[in-house]
């Protein structure tokens, strides 16, 4: 058994995968998690193109093989044809948790009216929680921060381990 829960950050981007664009969303998500989670955790960072089969394969490997308690994807949540991260998440998850996506959009729309076009969602695969956040660093961090207390609680409920938020928040009810 691992000492610390694993958390994966998956950047979904054709341009980042091809080396045409620097990954800004993935590092922003990791930094936000490092600030927010007090207990030790092991990061796993992956980059995949905007391809449903490759996204599905990465999510399955991270959940089933690598045992990640939490998998946060960044990118691929918009309305463009190649934005297929929510579809991949739905394919690999046994249960969807649409309330997390709804909460993220509700928090983002007042500052960014086009945030209502974002299609992020979340779901459970085995003992892993998969959460989609936007690709922009600001949007990714803002959305993650909104749902993090619920995310920490959900990870515990599905048996993914105990993540402790800085400041003592996010403790699941035993």
Foldseek 3Di string as FASTA:
>chain_A
DDPAAEEEEEEEAPCVVVVNDPQPQRVLLVVLCVQWWDDDYHYDYYYYYLDLVRLLVVVCCCCPVVLHLEYEYEALFADDPSSCNQVSQVVQAPFWDAVLVVQLLVQCCVPPVCSVRGHWTWHDHQLHIYTYFYRDSVRRSSSCVRCVLVSQQSSVVSPSDHTATPVRGNGHDD
